[in-house]
Amino acid sequence: MYGNLKQFQTNNMAIISELLFSVVTIIALFLFSKQLLAIKRNIAIGKEVNLSDQPGKRWKHVLFLALGQKKMFRNPLVAILHIIVYVGFIIINIELLEIIVDGITGNHRLFSHFLGSFYDFLINSFEILAALVLIACIVFFSRRNIVRLKRFISKDLKGWPRSDANAILIAEIVLMSLFLIMNAADTKSSFIISSHIQPLLKEFSETQLSIIEHSAWWLHILGIYAFMNYLPYSKHLHIILAFPNAYYASLLPKGQMHNMVSIQNEVLYAMQPALAPTNAAAPEKFGAKDVMDLSWKNLMDAYSCTECGRCSEACPSNTTGKLLSPRKIMMATRDRLEEVGKNIDKNNTFLDDGKSLLHDYISVEELRACTTCNACVEECPVSISPLDIIIELRRSLIMEESNAPSEWNGMFSNIENNFAPWKFAPDDRDAWTAQS
């Protein structure tokens, strides 16, 4: 009778555990999907731009830039560590499939019954990767907090951004440790890394080891779900967006800017009025003042930013002490976009809040400091272009607000009248060569 009661209680506990796991899984996936859809909606706020040409070159970018981390290999050691963390974390989490199936069905290592010896090979591979991820995360944490590389202690990262980076590294260390502890507490298995942890657990009874294994199992899966739902709020969203961002990267030659068709047409119609359509309307605005004036690719760039600081480290204006930081440009754009998104969620449409990306988030001084040298674009490991956003904001500043330094206005006047930046008539353009 007692045995039947105990079995009944065990069965009930198993059913409760399976139901609880299923509910937690559904909630985690629902919240994650909801936030991804919100981000997709926010990106769609931007202006339409067609970036579907030359798919072969675009897939090549995905292969070499996003997956192969091509630009990271300018520092081979850091690149290898980054690939270990990136690829290792993704591959290890393939085991999530087994954890989810086990959690829903109440089984223990269900896949081992079907995969045989190959299962041991997989788990051993995952454990090696987990150990490498642990080492790499400790190195990265040390670089940020002990070595304190200059780009990681910049004022750009003051407050939440610096805490965010450390939180992610700590989370990965904890998750990998839980994975290894879970395997070590499973006395029926012996894997390549966790087997070295098992001697530390020899003082525990079978019941205690079972509790440790199940606790590590639950903490590991709950940690994964928490990590998954934290991603949309973190700079580590680039884990997902690096691939589409690389695919839609600009294929134009470095330094080539997008001309404003509306301006080209205005000049053309001024020079040849007969070409002007009778119903031609003046452009609504020039450049971009707020996030909705930027392209959807600019907004995807903002969400894809890794906040690594390589762009700012390479920026000549930033290194000479000027206010401009390309990293801060991307972070400010993302912050403003998030605020606009919340405004839409609250009001079902965007209601003017009296703010704009230009002036409220990015200052005139920052924009004027940019030399348009493309160093930030060249350095970015995930194909982001802070320069595109800077140029659009400067166009609005100058063409909408007539806000430019006197030196620039003089140059604009010379170009308009003399077709060159210098104060020489076109016929006398080479006169300076005769001056002593």
Protein backbone atom coordinates (compact mmCIF):
# COMPACT_ATOMS: atom_id res chain seq x y z
CA MET A 1 0.00 0.00 0.00
CA TYR A 2 2.80 2.38 0.98
CA GLY A 3 4.68 1.49 -2.21
CA ASN A 4 1.61 2.23 -4.35
CA LEU A 5 1.14 5.57 -2.60
CA LYS A 6 4.77 6.49 -3.11
CA GLN A 7 4.55 5.56 -6.82
CA PHE A 8 1.36 7.61 -7.12
CA GLN A 9 3.08 10.64 -5.58
CA THR A 10 6.11 10.17 -7.84
CA ASN A 11 3.86 10.01 -10.92
CA ASN A 12 1.98 13.13 -9.83
CA MET A 13 5.24 15.01 -9.28
CA ALA A 14 6.41 13.96 -12.76
CA ILE A 15 3.16 15.17 -14.34
CA ILE A 16 3.38 18.49 -12.46
CA SER A 17 7.02 18.89 -13.54
CA GLU A 18 6.14 18.20 -17.20
CA LEU A 19 3.21 20.63 -17.11
CA LEU A 20 5.30 23.30 -15.39
CA PHE A 21 8.08 22.89 -17.93
CA SER A 22 5.61 23.12 -20.84
CA VAL A 23 4.03 26.28 -19.43
CA VAL A 24 7.43 27.93 -18.82
CA THR A 25 8.55 27.02 -22.36
CA ILE A 26 5.40 28.44 -23.95
CA ILE A 27 5.65 31.68 -21.95
CA ALA A 28 9.37 32.10 -22.77
CA LEU A 29 8.81 31.55 -26.51
CA PHE A 30 5.75 33.84 -26.52
CA LEU A 31 7.59 36.72 -24.83
CA PHE A 32 10.63 36.28 -27.07
CA SER A 33 8.50 36.24 -30.24
CA LYS A 34 6.53 39.28 -29.07
CA GLN A 35 9.69 41.31 -28.53
CA LEU A 36 11.18 40.24 -31.88
CA LEU A 37 8.00 41.34 -33.63
CA ALA A 38 8.21 44.70 -31.85
CA ILE A 39 11.80 45.12 -33.08
CA LYS A 40 10.74 44.15 -36.61
CA ARG A 41 7.97 46.76 -36.42
CA ASN A 42 10.43 49.39 -35.21
CA ILE A 43 12.84 48.66 -38.07
CA ALA A 44 9.94 48.93 -40.53
CA ILE A 45 9.39 52.52 -39.34
CA GLY A 46 12.32 53.47 -41.56
CA LYS A 47 12.06 54.48 -45.19
CA GLU A 48 11.98 51.77 -47.83
CA VAL A 49 15.20 51.00 -49.65
CA ASN A 50 15.80 48.13 -52.07
CA LEU A 51 18.83 46.04 -51.10
CA SER A 52 17.98 42.80 -52.88
CA ASP A 53 20.42 43.12 -55.79
CA GLN A 54 23.46 40.86 -56.35
CA PRO A 55 22.40 38.03 -54.02
CA GLY A 56 25.64 36.15 -54.70
CA LYS A 57 27.77 38.94 -53.23
CA ARG A 58 25.37 39.33 -50.34
CA TRP A 59 25.54 35.66 -49.37
CA LYS A 60 29.33 35.94 -49.61
CA HIS A 61 29.16 38.76 -47.05
CA VAL A 62 27.09 36.55 -44.75
CA LEU A 63 29.58 33.70 -45.08
CA PHE A 64 32.77 35.72 -44.56
CA LEU A 65 31.67 38.65 -42.38
CA ALA A 66 28.87 37.29 -40.18
CA LEU A 67 29.79 33.61 -39.93
CA GLY A 68 33.53 33.73 -40.68
CA GLN A 69 34.18 36.90 -38.63
CA LYS A 70 36.56 38.10 -41.36
CA LYS A 71 37.21 41.58 -39.93
CA MET A 72 37.81 40.20 -36.44
CA PHE A 73 40.89 38.36 -37.72
CA ARG A 74 42.84 41.60 -37.77
CA ASN A 75 43.49 40.47 -34.19
CA PRO A 76 43.67 36.66 -34.62
CA LEU A 77 43.63 35.74 -30.91
CA VAL A 78 40.54 37.84 -30.16
CA ALA A 79 38.89 36.54 -33.34
CA ILE A 80 39.43 32.91 -32.33
CA LEU A 81 38.10 33.54 -28.82
CA HIS A 82 35.08 35.36 -30.25
CA ILE A 83 34.33 32.51 -32.66
CA ILE A 84 34.61 30.02 -29.79
CA VAL A 85 32.04 31.96 -27.76
CA TYR A 86 29.75 32.62 -30.71
CA VAL A 87 29.81 29.26 -32.43
CA GLY A 88 30.31 27.27 -29.21
CA PHE A 89 27.31 28.81 -27.48
CA ILE A 90 25.08 28.24 -30.53
CA ILE A 91 26.18 24.62 -31.04
CA ILE A 92 25.99 23.71 -27.37
CA ASN A 93 22.42 24.92 -27.31
CA ILE A 94 21.51 22.32 -29.92
CA GLU A 95 21.17 20.18 -26.82
CA LEU A 96 18.19 22.36 -25.94
CA LEU A 97 16.20 20.20 -28.33
CA GLU A 98 16.81 17.16 -26.12
CA ILE A 99 16.18 19.17 -22.94
CA ILE A 100 12.85 20.41 -24.27
CA VAL A 101 11.78 16.94 -25.38
CA ASP A 102 12.89 15.45 -22.04
CA GLY A 103 11.09 18.20 -20.15
CA ILE A 104 7.80 17.75 -21.99
CA THR A 105 7.82 13.94 -22.02
CA GLY A 106 9.44 13.35 -18.61
CA ASN A 107 12.31 11.30 -20.08
CA HIS A 108 16.01 11.39 -19.21
CA ARG A 109 18.47 11.74 -22.11
CA LEU A 110 15.90 10.42 -24.57
CA PHE A 111 18.16 10.89 -27.58
CA SER A 112 20.81 8.56 -26.15
CA HIS A 113 18.46 5.62 -26.83
CA PHE A 114 18.38 6.44 -30.56
CA LEU A 115 21.87 7.78 -31.23
CA GLY A 116 23.91 5.18 -29.35
CA SER A 117 27.65 5.87 -29.26
CA PHE A 118 27.18 8.94 -31.47
CA TYR A 119 25.31 10.54 -28.56
CA ASP A 120 28.43 10.29 -26.37
CA PHE A 121 30.46 11.86 -29.19
CA LEU A 122 28.00 14.78 -29.39
CA ILE A 123 27.96 15.45 -25.65
CA ASN A 124 31.76 15.17 -25.46
CA SER A 125 32.02 17.72 -28.29
CA PHE A 126 29.58 20.01 -26.49
CA GLU A 127 31.58 19.71 -23.27
CA ILE A 128 34.84 20.65 -25.00
CA LEU A 129 33.12 23.66 -26.53
CA ALA A 130 31.60 24.56 -23.14
CA ALA A 131 35.05 24.52 -21.52
CA LEU A 132 36.45 26.70 -24.33
CA VAL A 133 33.52 29.14 -24.01
CA LEU A 134 34.19 29.34 -20.26
CA ILE A 135 37.84 30.21 -20.86
CA ALA A 136 37.03 32.76 -23.59
CA CYS A 137 34.36 34.48 -21.47
CA ILE A 138 36.78 34.76 -18.54
CA VAL A 139 39.36 36.33 -20.88
CA PHE A 140 36.81 38.80 -22.26
CA PHE A 141 35.59 39.66 -18.76
CA SER A 142 39.19 40.32 -17.71
CA ARG A 143 39.82 42.53 -20.74
CA ARG A 144 36.84 44.67 -19.76
CA ASN A 145 37.28 44.82 -16.00
CA ILE A 146 40.93 44.10 -15.16
CA VAL A 147 42.99 45.08 -18.21
CA ARG A 148 40.34 47.77 -18.92
CA LEU A 149 40.99 48.39 -22.60
CA LYS A 150 40.39 52.04 -23.49
CA ARG A 151 37.39 51.40 -25.75
CA PHE A 152 35.67 49.46 -22.94
CA ILE A 153 35.98 52.24 -20.37
CA SER A 154 34.84 55.01 -22.69
CA LYS A 155 32.11 57.35 -21.42
CA ASP A 156 29.90 55.93 -24.22
CA LEU A 157 29.46 52.81 -22.08
CA LYS A 158 28.79 54.54 -18.78
CA GLY A 159 25.96 52.94 -16.82
CA TRP A 160 23.71 50.32 -18.39
CA PRO A 161 25.83 49.48 -21.51
CA ARG A 162 28.83 48.49 -19.38
CA SER A 163 26.65 46.47 -17.00
CA ASP A 164 24.94 44.81 -19.96
CA ALA A 165 28.23 43.54 -21.40
CA ASN A 166 29.35 42.13 -18.04
CA ALA A 167 25.93 40.57 -17.36
CA ILE A 168 26.06 38.66 -20.64
CA LEU A 169 29.57 37.34 -19.97
CA ILE A 170 28.63 36.26 -16.45
CA ALA A 171 25.45 34.61 -17.75
CA GLU A 172 27.44 32.59 -20.30
CA ILE A 173 29.94 31.51 -17.65
CA VAL A 174 27.11 30.39 -15.36
CA LEU A 175 25.22 28.57 -18.12
CA MET A 176 28.29 26.65 -19.28
CA SER A 177 29.13 25.74 -15.68
CA LEU A 178 25.60 24.45 -15.07
CA PHE A 179 25.82 22.34 -18.22
CA LEU A 180 29.01 20.67 -16.99
CA ILE A 181 27.72 20.24 -13.41
CA MET A 182 24.51 18.67 -14.75
CA ASN A 183 26.55 16.10 -16.67
CA ALA A 184 28.94 15.50 -13.78
CA ALA A 185 26.06 14.74 -11.39
CA ASP A 186 24.71 12.10 -13.79
CA THR A 187 26.45 9.05 -12.37
CA LYS A 188 25.22 6.86 -15.21
CA SER A 189 27.30 8.83 -17.70
CA SER A 190 30.95 9.75 -18.03
CA PHE A 191 31.88 12.52 -20.43
CA ILE A 192 35.23 14.01 -21.35
CA ILE A 193 35.16 17.21 -19.22
CA SER A 194 32.49 16.59 -16.59
CA SER A 195 34.14 13.30 -15.60
CA HIS A 196 36.92 15.40 -14.06
CA ILE A 197 34.32 17.17 -11.91
CA GLN A 198 32.75 13.91 -10.66
CA PRO A 199 35.44 13.22 -8.01
CA LEU A 200 34.39 16.49 -6.36
CA LEU A 201 30.89 15.04 -5.95
CA LYS A 202 31.87 11.61 -4.58
CA GLU A 203 30.78 12.49 -1.03
CA PHE A 204 27.16 12.96 -2.14
CA SER A 205 24.59 10.17 -2.06
CA GLU A 206 22.65 9.02 -5.13
CA THR A 207 19.64 11.02 -3.96
CA GLN A 208 21.70 14.16 -3.46
CA LEU A 209 23.37 13.74 -6.85
CA SER A 210 19.94 13.36 -8.43
CA ILE A 211 18.84 16.61 -6.78
CA ILE A 212 22.01 18.37 -7.99
CA GLU A 213 21.50 17.07 -11.54
CA HIS A 214 17.82 18.09 -11.67
CA SER A 215 18.59 21.48 -10.08
CA ALA A 216 21.36 22.16 -12.62
CA TRP A 217 19.03 20.96 -15.40
CA TRP A 218 16.26 23.35 -14.34
CA LEU A 219 18.63 26.28 -13.74
CA HIS A 220 20.29 25.67 -17.10
CA ILE A 221 17.05 25.69 -19.11
CA LEU A 222 15.57 28.59 -17.13
CA GLY A 223 18.84 30.46 -17.65
CA ILE A 224 18.65 29.82 -21.39
CA TYR A 225 15.08 31.10 -21.49
CA ALA A 226 16.04 34.17 -19.46
CA PHE A 227 19.05 34.78 -21.72
CA MET A 228 16.84 34.41 -24.80
CA ASN A 229 14.37 37.00 -23.54
CA TYR A 230 17.15 39.32 -22.42
CA LEU A 231 18.71 39.42 -25.91
CA PRO A 232 16.20 41.87 -27.45
CA TYR A 233 17.09 44.41 -24.74
CA SER A 234 20.83 43.82 -25.03
CA LYS A 235 23.63 44.67 -27.41
CA HIS A 236 23.92 40.91 -27.90
CA LEU A 237 20.93 41.06 -30.22
CA HIS A 238 23.65 41.05 -32.88
CA ILE A 239 23.81 37.28 -32.33
CA ILE A 240 20.61 37.20 -34.38
CA LEU A 241 20.83 40.35 -36.54
CA ALA A 242 24.47 40.02 -37.66
CA PHE A 243 23.40 37.66 -40.45
CA PRO A 244 20.63 39.74 -42.10
CA ASN A 245 22.67 42.90 -41.48
CA ALA A 246 25.63 41.42 -43.37
CA TYR A 247 23.33 40.29 -46.19
CA TYR A 248 21.85 43.77 -46.64
CA ALA A 249 25.17 45.62 -46.32
CA SER A 250 25.93 48.24 -48.95
CA LEU A 251 27.70 46.92 -52.05
CA LEU A 252 28.71 50.39 -53.23
CA PRO A 253 32.44 51.18 -53.46
CA LYS A 254 33.88 52.48 -50.19
CA GLY A 255 33.30 56.21 -49.86
CA GLN A 256 30.56 56.45 -52.48
CA MET A 257 27.62 58.34 -51.02
CA HIS A 258 23.96 58.08 -51.89
CA ASN A 259 23.00 61.12 -53.93
CA MET A 260 19.66 62.75 -53.21
CA VAL A 261 17.55 62.25 -56.33
CA SER A 262 15.26 65.11 -55.32
CA ILE A 263 18.21 67.51 -55.27
CA GLN A 264 19.56 66.21 -58.56
CA ASN A 265 16.14 66.77 -60.12
CA GLU A 266 15.89 70.30 -58.70
CA VAL A 267 19.24 71.19 -60.29
CA LEU A 268 18.28 69.51 -63.55
CA TYR A 269 14.95 71.34 -63.73
CA ALA A 270 16.64 74.66 -62.92
CA MET A 271 19.09 74.16 -65.78
CA GLN A 272 16.54 72.65 -68.18
CA PRO A 273 13.06 73.86 -67.18
CA ALA A 274 11.49 72.06 -70.12
CA LEU A 275 12.24 68.73 -68.41
CA ALA A 276 10.31 69.62 -65.27
CA PRO A 277 6.98 67.77 -65.01
CA THR A 278 3.99 70.06 -64.70
CA ASN A 279 2.73 68.32 -61.58
CA ALA A 280 6.12 68.00 -59.84
CA ALA A 281 5.85 68.50 -56.10
CA ALA A 282 8.66 69.87 -53.99
CA PRO A 283 10.39 67.30 -51.74
CA GLU A 284 8.77 67.06 -48.31
CA LYS A 285 12.11 67.22 -46.51
CA PHE A 286 15.82 66.77 -47.03
CA GLY A 287 17.92 64.37 -45.03
CA ALA A 288 16.77 62.98 -41.69
CA LYS A 289 15.81 64.67 -38.47
CA ASP A 290 14.34 61.67 -36.67
CA VAL A 291 14.52 57.89 -36.91
CA MET A 292 11.48 57.63 -39.20
CA ASP A 293 13.40 59.70 -41.78
CA LEU A 294 16.21 57.14 -41.91
CA SER A 295 16.11 53.94 -43.98
CA TRP A 296 15.10 50.61 -42.45
CA LYS A 297 18.72 49.47 -43.00
CA ASN A 298 19.98 52.36 -40.84
CA LEU A 299 17.59 51.22 -38.11
CA MET A 300 18.66 47.59 -38.44
CA ASP A 301 22.24 48.83 -38.09
CA ALA A 302 21.30 50.46 -34.79
CA TYR A 303 19.88 47.20 -33.42
CA SER A 304 22.86 45.21 -34.76
CA CYS A 305 25.52 47.33 -33.04
CA THR A 306 27.76 45.22 -30.79
CA GLU A 307 29.04 48.30 -28.92
CA CYS A 308 32.55 46.90 -29.36
CA GLY A 309 33.96 50.39 -29.97
CA ARG A 310 36.20 49.48 -32.89
CA CYS A 311 34.54 52.24 -34.94
CA SER A 312 35.26 54.91 -32.33
CA GLU A 313 38.78 53.61 -31.78
CA ALA A 314 39.48 54.06 -35.51
CA CYS A 315 37.71 57.44 -35.81
CA PRO A 316 40.30 60.24 -36.26
CA SER A 317 37.91 62.81 -34.76
CA ASN A 318 37.35 60.68 -31.67
CA THR A 319 41.05 59.91 -31.19
CA THR A 320 41.90 63.64 -31.34
CA GLY A 321 39.48 64.41 -28.52
CA LYS A 322 36.47 65.66 -30.45
CA LEU A 323 32.96 64.85 -29.25
CA LEU A 324 32.12 62.47 -32.11
CA SER A 325 31.92 58.75 -31.32
CA PRO A 326 30.44 56.55 -34.08
CA ARG A 327 29.50 53.97 -31.43
CA LYS A 328 27.50 56.59 -29.58
CA ILE A 329 25.76 57.56 -32.85
CA MET A 330 24.46 53.98 -33.18
CA MET A 331 23.52 53.69 -29.51
CA ALA A 332 21.66 57.02 -29.61
CA THR A 333 19.78 55.96 -32.74
CA ARG A 334 18.71 52.70 -31.06
CA ASP A 335 17.65 54.54 -27.90
CA ARG A 336 15.52 56.98 -29.88
CA LEU A 337 14.02 54.16 -31.95
CA GLU A 338 13.07 52.28 -28.79
CA GLU A 339 11.41 55.44 -27.43
CA VAL A 340 9.46 55.90 -30.67
CA GLY A 341 8.39 52.24 -30.52
CA LYS A 342 7.07 52.66 -26.97
CA ASN A 343 5.21 55.78 -28.09
CA ILE A 344 3.50 53.74 -30.83
CA ASP A 345 2.67 50.92 -28.41
CA LYS A 346 1.05 53.40 -26.04
CA ASN A 347 -0.90 55.43 -28.60
CA ASN A 348 -1.34 52.94 -31.49
CA THR A 349 0.41 55.52 -33.65
CA PHE A 350 3.31 57.90 -33.15
CA LEU A 351 2.32 61.10 -31.38
CA ASP A 352 4.79 63.97 -31.52
CA ASP A 353 6.72 64.01 -28.25
CA GLY A 354 8.67 67.15 -28.97
CA LYS A 355 11.92 65.24 -29.41
CA SER A 356 14.01 64.17 -32.37
CA LEU A 357 17.16 62.17 -33.03
CA LEU A 358 18.87 65.33 -34.22
CA HIS A 359 19.59 67.74 -31.34
CA ASP A 360 17.98 65.67 -28.53
CA TYR A 361 20.08 62.53 -29.01
CA ILE A 362 22.86 63.56 -31.39
CA SER A 363 24.32 67.04 -31.22
CA VAL A 364 25.42 69.42 -33.96
CA GLU A 365 28.97 69.33 -32.61
CA GLU A 366 29.15 65.57 -33.06
CA LEU A 367 27.94 65.76 -36.66
CA ARG A 368 30.33 68.54 -37.65
CA ALA A 369 33.30 66.62 -36.26
CA CYS A 370 32.88 63.81 -38.81
CA THR A 371 35.41 63.85 -41.68
CA THR A 372 33.45 61.22 -43.70
CA CYS A 373 36.66 59.16 -43.91
CA ASN A 374 34.78 55.82 -43.67
CA ALA A 375 37.12 54.46 -40.97
CA CYS A 376 34.13 53.51 -38.80
CA VAL A 377 32.47 51.65 -41.66
CA GLU A 378 35.67 49.83 -42.53
CA GLU A 379 36.27 48.69 -38.94
CA CYS A 380 32.78 47.45 -38.05
CA PRO A 381 32.76 43.63 -37.82
CA VAL A 382 29.02 43.38 -38.61
CA SER A 383 28.76 45.78 -41.59
CA ILE A 384 27.24 48.78 -39.80
CA SER A 385 27.53 52.27 -41.28
CA PRO A 386 27.35 55.10 -38.72
CA LEU A 387 28.42 57.37 -41.57
CA ASP A 388 25.11 56.93 -43.42
CA ILE A 389 23.21 58.22 -40.40
CA ILE A 390 25.65 61.11 -39.87
CA ILE A 391 25.32 62.21 -43.50
CA GLU A 392 21.50 62.13 -43.42
CA LEU A 393 21.41 64.15 -40.19
CA ARG A 394 23.87 66.69 -41.61
CA ARG A 395 21.75 67.04 -44.74
CA SER A 396 18.76 67.91 -42.58
CA LEU A 397 20.84 70.27 -40.47
CA ILE A 398 22.10 72.20 -43.49
CA MET A 399 19.24 71.97 -45.99
CA GLU A 400 16.30 72.14 -43.60
CA GLU A 401 17.71 74.37 -40.87
CA SER A 402 20.38 76.28 -42.84
CA ASN A 403 22.62 75.45 -39.90
CA ALA A 404 26.24 75.43 -41.05
CA PRO A 405 29.46 77.19 -39.96
CA SER A 406 30.39 80.33 -41.88
CA GLU A 407 33.35 78.51 -43.45
CA TRP A 408 31.00 75.93 -44.91
CA ASN A 409 28.61 78.60 -46.19
CA GLY A 410 31.49 80.24 -48.01
CA MET A 411 32.38 76.94 -49.62
CA PHE A 412 28.74 76.31 -50.59
CA SER A 413 28.57 79.76 -52.19
CA ASN A 414 31.76 79.14 -54.17
CA ILE A 415 30.48 75.80 -55.42
CA GLU A 416 27.18 77.39 -56.46
CA ASN A 417 28.81 80.32 -58.27
CA ASN A 418 32.20 78.96 -59.35
CA PHE A 419 31.53 75.22 -59.52
CA ALA A 420 34.44 74.62 -57.12
CA PRO A 421 35.12 75.14 -53.40
CA TRP A 422 37.60 77.96 -54.12
CA LYS A 423 36.94 81.62 -54.85
CA PHE A 424 38.14 81.50 -58.43
CA ALA A 425 36.07 82.01 -61.53
CA PRO A 426 35.91 78.85 -63.66
CA ASP A 427 38.16 80.46 -66.31
CA ASP A 428 40.75 81.41 -63.68
CA ARG A 429 40.74 78.16 -61.75
CA ASP A 430 44.42 77.48 -62.45
CA ALA A 431 45.51 81.04 -61.58
CA TRP A 432 46.78 79.95 -58.18
CA THR A 433 49.58 78.02 -59.87
CA ALA A 434 51.13 81.31 -61.02
CA GLN A 435 51.17 82.82 -57.56
CA SER A 436 54.55 82.91 -55.79
